[in-house]
Amino acid sequence: MSRLCEICAVSEHKYRCKTCRLLYCSVVCYKKHQEQPCEPPPPPPEDASKPGGVAEGQQQKKIILFSTVDTVPAEKLELLGQSEHLKNLLYNPHLRRLLTEVDNARDGMNAVKVAMMEPLFVEFADECLRLVEPSEEEPERLDDLVFTNLQHRR
């Protein structure tokens, strides 16, 4: 089931262009092909009915290759995109500039320390953490603590 050279259409192909995947048979055909710049072929369209396909209107989920104890689950990260408070904060060009500086910094930890001196950045970070790591229980009331302490004295 061999195919012919796509340049000369005479000989059987032996090679394939690494860039555009065009089939050719010889150095002469290759040089003729190289006279014009070639481009990679467009990726085949994804079919939602196939495994790995994405239905219309849905985004493909990113796979986390190296998760750690600090890795935030994708479901919780989606909460950040749905937060109106975060969206309103991100309208501020100063905050966007701070985030860009942190993102582009060679020493990320030091950049975060510097950014944390800005109240606007602190507000942004606190809101992100509030959404991603909500407190699991309400803070205890002071009279509950006093009552518990009195019980332990007896």
Protein backbone atom coordinates (compact mmCIF):
# COMPACT_ATOMS: atom_id res chain seq x y z
CA MET A 1 0.00 0.00 0.00
CA SER A 2 2.70 2.46 -1.04
CA ARG A 3 1.95 5.95 -2.28
CA LEU A 4 3.61 7.97 -4.96
CA CYS A 5 5.89 10.94 -4.43
CA GLU A 6 3.77 14.06 -4.05
CA ILE A 7 6.31 16.18 -5.95
CA CYS A 8 7.00 14.21 -9.12
CA ALA A 9 4.09 11.74 -8.91
CA VAL A 10 6.27 9.14 -10.68
CA SER A 11 8.25 7.21 -8.09
CA GLU A 12 7.22 5.57 -4.89
CA HIS A 13 7.77 7.81 -1.84
CA LYS A 14 10.65 7.01 0.52
CA TYR A 15 10.66 10.08 2.75
CA ARG A 16 8.34 12.49 4.51
CA CYS A 17 8.90 16.21 5.15
CA LYS A 18 9.26 16.78 8.91
CA THR A 19 7.37 20.05 8.74
CA CYS A 20 4.40 19.50 6.45
CA ARG A 21 4.42 15.68 6.24
CA LEU A 22 4.56 15.78 2.40
CA LEU A 23 5.78 12.53 0.79
CA TYR A 24 8.80 12.67 -1.57
CA CYS A 25 11.12 10.19 -3.24
CA SER A 26 14.54 11.79 -3.68
CA VAL A 27 16.89 14.68 -2.92
CA VAL A 28 15.84 16.32 -6.19
CA CYS A 29 12.17 16.29 -5.15
CA TYR A 30 13.11 17.45 -1.65
CA LYS A 31 15.03 20.44 -3.02
CA LYS A 32 12.13 21.29 -5.31
CA HIS A 33 9.78 21.14 -2.29
CA GLN A 34 12.12 23.41 -0.29
CA GLU A 35 11.90 26.16 -2.91
CA GLN A 36 8.65 27.21 -1.24
CA PRO A 37 8.33 27.43 2.55
CA CYS A 38 6.06 24.78 4.00
CA GLU A 39 3.85 24.83 7.08
CA PRO A 40 2.67 22.10 9.44
CA PRO A 41 -0.69 20.62 8.53
CA PRO A 42 -3.66 21.86 10.58
CA PRO A 43 -4.60 19.53 13.46
CA PRO A 44 -7.59 17.31 12.78
CA PRO A 45 -10.84 18.61 14.31
CA GLU A 46 -11.74 17.04 17.65
CA ASP A 47 -14.91 15.00 17.70
CA ALA A 48 -16.94 15.21 20.92
CA SER A 49 -18.22 11.65 20.40
CA LYS A 50 -14.67 10.21 20.52
CA PRO A 51 -12.80 9.69 23.79
CA GLY A 52 -10.67 12.74 24.48
CA GLY A 53 -12.90 14.89 22.29
CA VAL A 54 -14.33 18.07 23.70
CA ALA A 55 -17.95 19.00 23.21
CA GLU A 56 -18.78 22.42 21.84
CA GLY A 57 -18.70 25.13 24.51
CA GLN A 58 -16.50 23.10 26.86
CA GLN A 59 -12.82 23.63 27.56
CA GLN A 60 -10.40 20.74 27.67
CA LYS A 61 -9.13 20.15 31.21
CA LYS A 62 -5.40 20.42 31.77
CA ILE A 63 -3.66 17.39 33.16
CA ILE A 64 -1.46 18.03 36.19
CA LEU A 65 1.72 16.03 35.70
CA PHE A 66 3.49 16.62 39.01
CA SER A 67 1.03 17.20 41.81
CA THR A 68 2.25 18.06 45.30
CA VAL A 69 0.57 18.57 48.65
CA ASP A 70 0.14 22.23 47.65
CA THR A 71 -1.55 21.46 44.32
CA VAL A 72 -5.03 22.97 44.20
CA PRO A 73 -7.72 20.77 42.58
CA ALA A 74 -9.09 22.05 39.26
CA GLU A 75 -12.62 22.34 40.69
CA LYS A 76 -11.42 24.82 43.30
CA LEU A 77 -9.38 26.77 40.74
CA GLU A 78 -12.55 27.20 38.68
CA LEU A 79 -14.04 29.06 41.66
CA LEU A 80 -11.42 31.77 41.13
CA GLY A 81 -12.73 32.42 37.62
CA GLN A 82 -16.29 32.67 38.90
CA SER A 83 -15.56 35.20 41.66
CA GLU A 84 -16.97 38.65 40.96
CA HIS A 85 -14.80 40.10 43.72
CA LEU A 86 -11.62 38.83 42.05
CA LYS A 87 -12.80 40.06 38.66
CA ASN A 88 -13.38 43.53 40.11
CA LEU A 89 -9.94 43.53 41.73
CA LEU A 90 -8.32 42.57 38.44
CA TYR A 91 -9.69 45.72 36.78
CA ASN A 92 -7.01 47.59 38.72
CA PRO A 93 -3.95 48.13 36.46
CA HIS A 94 -1.64 48.36 39.50
CA LEU A 95 -2.68 44.86 40.65
CA ARG A 96 -2.26 43.48 37.14
CA ARG A 97 1.23 45.00 36.99
CA LEU A 98 2.11 43.44 40.38
CA LEU A 99 0.88 40.03 39.24
CA THR A 100 2.89 40.30 36.03
CA GLU A 101 6.03 41.20 37.99
CA VAL A 102 5.55 38.21 40.30
CA ASP A 103 4.92 35.92 37.34
CA ASN A 104 8.01 37.12 35.44
CA ALA A 105 10.36 37.29 38.45
CA ARG A 106 13.43 35.06 38.59
CA ASP A 107 13.01 34.66 42.35
CA GLY A 108 9.27 34.07 42.75
CA MET A 109 9.27 33.82 46.54
CA ASN A 110 11.07 37.14 46.93
CA ALA A 111 8.73 38.76 44.41
CA VAL A 112 5.72 37.55 46.41
CA LYS A 113 7.24 38.93 49.63
CA VAL A 114 7.69 42.34 47.97
CA ALA A 115 4.17 42.24 46.51
CA MET A 116 2.70 41.32 49.90
CA MET A 117 3.71 44.79 51.12
CA GLU A 118 0.99 46.21 48.87
CA PRO A 119 -2.47 46.15 50.53
CA LEU A 120 -4.12 45.59 47.15
CA PHE A 121 -2.05 42.45 46.53
CA VAL A 122 -2.78 41.22 50.06
CA GLU A 123 -6.52 41.68 49.45
CA PHE A 124 -6.20 39.73 46.18
CA ALA A 125 -4.21 36.91 47.82
CA ASP A 126 -6.63 36.70 50.77
CA GLU A 127 -9.61 36.44 48.43
CA CYS A 128 -7.90 33.70 46.41
CA LEU A 129 -7.15 31.73 49.56
CA ARG A 130 -10.67 32.28 50.91
CA LEU A 131 -12.09 30.71 47.75
CA VAL A 132 -9.60 27.87 47.45
CA GLU A 133 -9.26 27.01 51.15
CA PRO A 134 -12.51 28.03 52.85
CA SER A 135 -12.58 27.60 56.62
CA GLU A 136 -14.21 24.29 57.43
CA GLU A 137 -15.88 25.47 60.60
CA GLU A 138 -16.99 28.79 61.94
CA PRO A 139 -14.66 30.38 64.49
CA GLU A 140 -15.63 29.46 68.02
CA ARG A 141 -17.45 32.05 70.06
CA LEU A 142 -15.65 33.39 73.12
CA ASP A 143 -18.36 32.24 75.58
CA ASP A 144 -18.08 28.68 74.18
CA LEU A 145 -14.36 28.74 74.93
CA VAL A 146 -14.98 30.05 78.45
CA PHE A 147 -17.62 27.36 79.07
CA THR A 148 -15.25 24.63 77.84
CA ASN A 149 -12.45 25.99 79.98
CA LEU A 150 -14.68 26.00 83.07
CA GLN A 151 -15.60 22.34 82.47
CA HIS A 152 -11.93 21.35 82.34
CA ARG A 153 -11.22 22.99 85.71
CA ARG A 154 -13.58 20.75 87.64
